[in-house]
Amino acid sequence: MAEETRKRANLKEGTTVENPPGIFRTTLAFNDNIMLCHMDMKKGAKIPLHSHQAVQAGYIIIGKVKLFDKDGRSFVAEPGDSWSFESNEQHGAEIIEDSEVIECFSPMRPEYVD
C-alpha cells in the first residue's frame, strides 16, 4: 500500500529518483492536497513538453533553467525566481546550468510517492 501522507521529511534521508536523465527528484513532505519536491538538475538535461493534473509552482535556489510552454513562450529562471503552471498546462525545461529547484504540486502527484 502506498504512503498517503508524509508530514515531515529530510532531504538527506529521502529517496532520489532520476527521471528524465539528469533530473534528480526527491519527494519531501506531502498529503492529498499538496506535495513538496526537491530537484537537482544537471546542465544539459531536458524535461520534455508535458502536462499533469496538478498545479505546479517552483523556486530556483541555484543555477539557471529555461522554462517553456507549448506556444514557445519561455522564461529563464535564475536564483530567486519563481513560476507556476496551471493544471494540464503543457510545459517543459532545458537546464542551462547545474540547478537546485524546489517544486510544489497541488493536488499531490501519486506517481511521485517514493
Protein backbone atom coordinates (compact mmCIF):
# COMPACT_ATOMS: atom_id res chain seq x y z
CA MET A 1 0.00 0.00 0.00
CA ALA A 2 1.42 3.40 -0.98
CA GLU A 3 2.14 6.00 1.63
CA GLU A 4 -0.73 8.53 1.69
CA THR A 5 0.87 11.32 3.71
CA ARG A 6 4.32 12.36 4.85
CA LYS A 7 4.13 15.16 7.42
CA ARG A 8 7.89 15.57 7.79
CA ALA A 9 10.84 14.80 5.57
CA ASN A 10 14.57 15.48 5.41
CA LEU A 11 16.31 15.86 2.06
CA LYS A 12 19.31 13.78 3.19
CA GLU A 13 17.05 10.88 4.15
CA GLY A 14 14.75 10.90 1.09
CA THR A 15 14.75 8.59 -1.91
CA THR A 16 16.13 10.29 -5.01
CA VAL A 17 14.83 9.23 -8.43
CA GLU A 18 16.40 10.18 -11.76
CA ASN A 19 13.77 10.79 -14.45
CA PRO A 20 14.31 12.02 -17.09
CA PRO A 21 18.11 11.66 -17.36
CA GLY A 22 19.91 14.40 -15.46
CA ILE A 23 16.87 15.35 -13.37
CA PHE A 24 17.05 14.03 -9.80
CA ARG A 25 13.81 14.36 -7.78
CA THR A 26 13.44 13.81 -4.05
CA THR A 27 9.87 13.91 -2.77
CA LEU A 28 9.66 15.60 0.61
CA ALA A 29 6.51 16.29 2.67
CA PHE A 30 3.03 15.74 1.19
CA ASN A 31 -0.62 14.98 1.82
CA ASP A 32 -3.58 14.59 -0.55
CA ASN A 33 -3.68 18.33 -1.27
CA ILE A 34 -0.04 19.31 -1.75
CA MET A 35 3.41 17.84 -2.43
CA LEU A 36 6.86 19.40 -1.98
CA CYS A 37 9.80 18.13 -4.07
CA HIS A 38 13.49 18.98 -4.33
CA MET A 39 15.03 18.83 -7.81
CA ASP A 40 18.75 18.55 -8.56
CA MET A 41 19.07 19.31 -12.28
CA LYS A 42 22.24 18.78 -14.29
CA LYS A 43 23.42 21.12 -17.06
CA GLY A 44 22.20 19.93 -20.47
CA ALA A 45 19.28 17.88 -19.12
CA LYS A 46 15.86 18.37 -20.68
CA ILE A 47 12.33 17.91 -19.41
CA PRO A 48 10.16 17.36 -22.49
CA LEU A 49 6.89 19.16 -23.03
CA HIS A 50 4.32 17.51 -20.75
CA SER A 51 1.26 18.24 -18.62
CA HIS A 52 -0.34 16.86 -15.46
CA GLN A 53 -3.45 17.42 -13.37
CA ALA A 54 -1.55 19.12 -10.55
CA VAL A 55 -0.95 22.86 -10.48
CA GLN A 56 2.82 23.39 -10.18
CA ALA A 57 4.86 26.19 -8.60
CA GLY A 58 8.65 26.32 -8.48
CA TYR A 59 11.50 28.33 -6.99
CA ILE A 60 15.13 28.23 -8.13
CA ILE A 61 17.81 28.23 -5.44
CA ILE A 62 20.93 27.74 -7.56
CA GLY A 63 21.59 27.68 -11.31
CA LYS A 64 19.70 28.64 -14.45
CA VAL A 65 16.74 26.89 -16.08
CA LYS A 66 14.85 27.79 -19.27
CA LEU A 67 11.14 27.02 -18.84
CA PHE A 68 8.83 26.97 -21.85
CA ASP A 69 5.23 26.26 -22.83
CA LYS A 70 3.57 24.65 -25.87
CA ASP A 71 3.34 28.01 -27.65
CA GLY A 72 7.11 28.55 -27.47
CA ARG A 73 6.97 31.23 -24.80
CA SER A 74 9.96 30.90 -22.49
CA PHE A 75 11.39 32.29 -19.28
CA VAL A 76 14.94 31.88 -17.99
CA ALA A 77 14.80 31.34 -14.22
CA GLU A 78 17.77 32.30 -12.06
CA PRO A 79 18.25 32.20 -8.27
CA GLY A 80 15.34 33.89 -6.53
CA ASP A 81 12.90 33.44 -9.43
CA SER A 82 9.63 31.53 -9.13
CA TRP A 83 6.94 30.33 -11.57
CA SER A 84 3.68 28.46 -11.82
CA PHE A 85 1.88 26.26 -14.34
CA GLU A 86 -1.87 25.67 -14.32
CA SER A 87 -3.48 22.24 -14.25
CA ASN A 88 -2.92 20.45 -17.59
CA GLU A 89 -0.82 23.36 -18.97
CA GLN A 90 1.87 21.92 -21.25
CA HIS A 91 5.38 22.93 -20.19
CA GLY A 92 8.98 21.76 -20.25
CA ALA A 93 12.50 22.84 -19.32
CA GLU A 94 16.10 22.97 -20.51
CA ILE A 95 18.76 23.06 -17.82
CA ILE A 96 21.29 25.78 -18.69
CA GLU A 97 23.46 25.37 -15.56
CA ASP A 98 23.55 22.81 -12.76
CA SER A 99 20.49 23.85 -10.74
CA GLU A 100 18.68 23.24 -7.48
CA VAL A 101 14.92 23.82 -7.51
CA ILE A 102 12.01 23.40 -5.12
CA GLU A 103 8.69 22.38 -6.74
CA CYS A 104 5.24 22.24 -5.20
CA PHE A 105 2.29 20.34 -6.70
CA SER A 106 -1.41 20.56 -5.83
CA PRO A 107 -3.00 18.12 -5.58
CA MET A 108 -0.13 15.77 -4.81
CA ARG A 109 1.21 13.58 -7.62
CA PRO A 110 0.76 9.91 -6.64
CA GLU A 111 3.44 8.83 -9.15
CA TYR A 112 5.98 10.86 -7.12
CA VAL A 113 5.45 8.92 -3.85
CA ASP A 114 8.83 7.22 -3.33
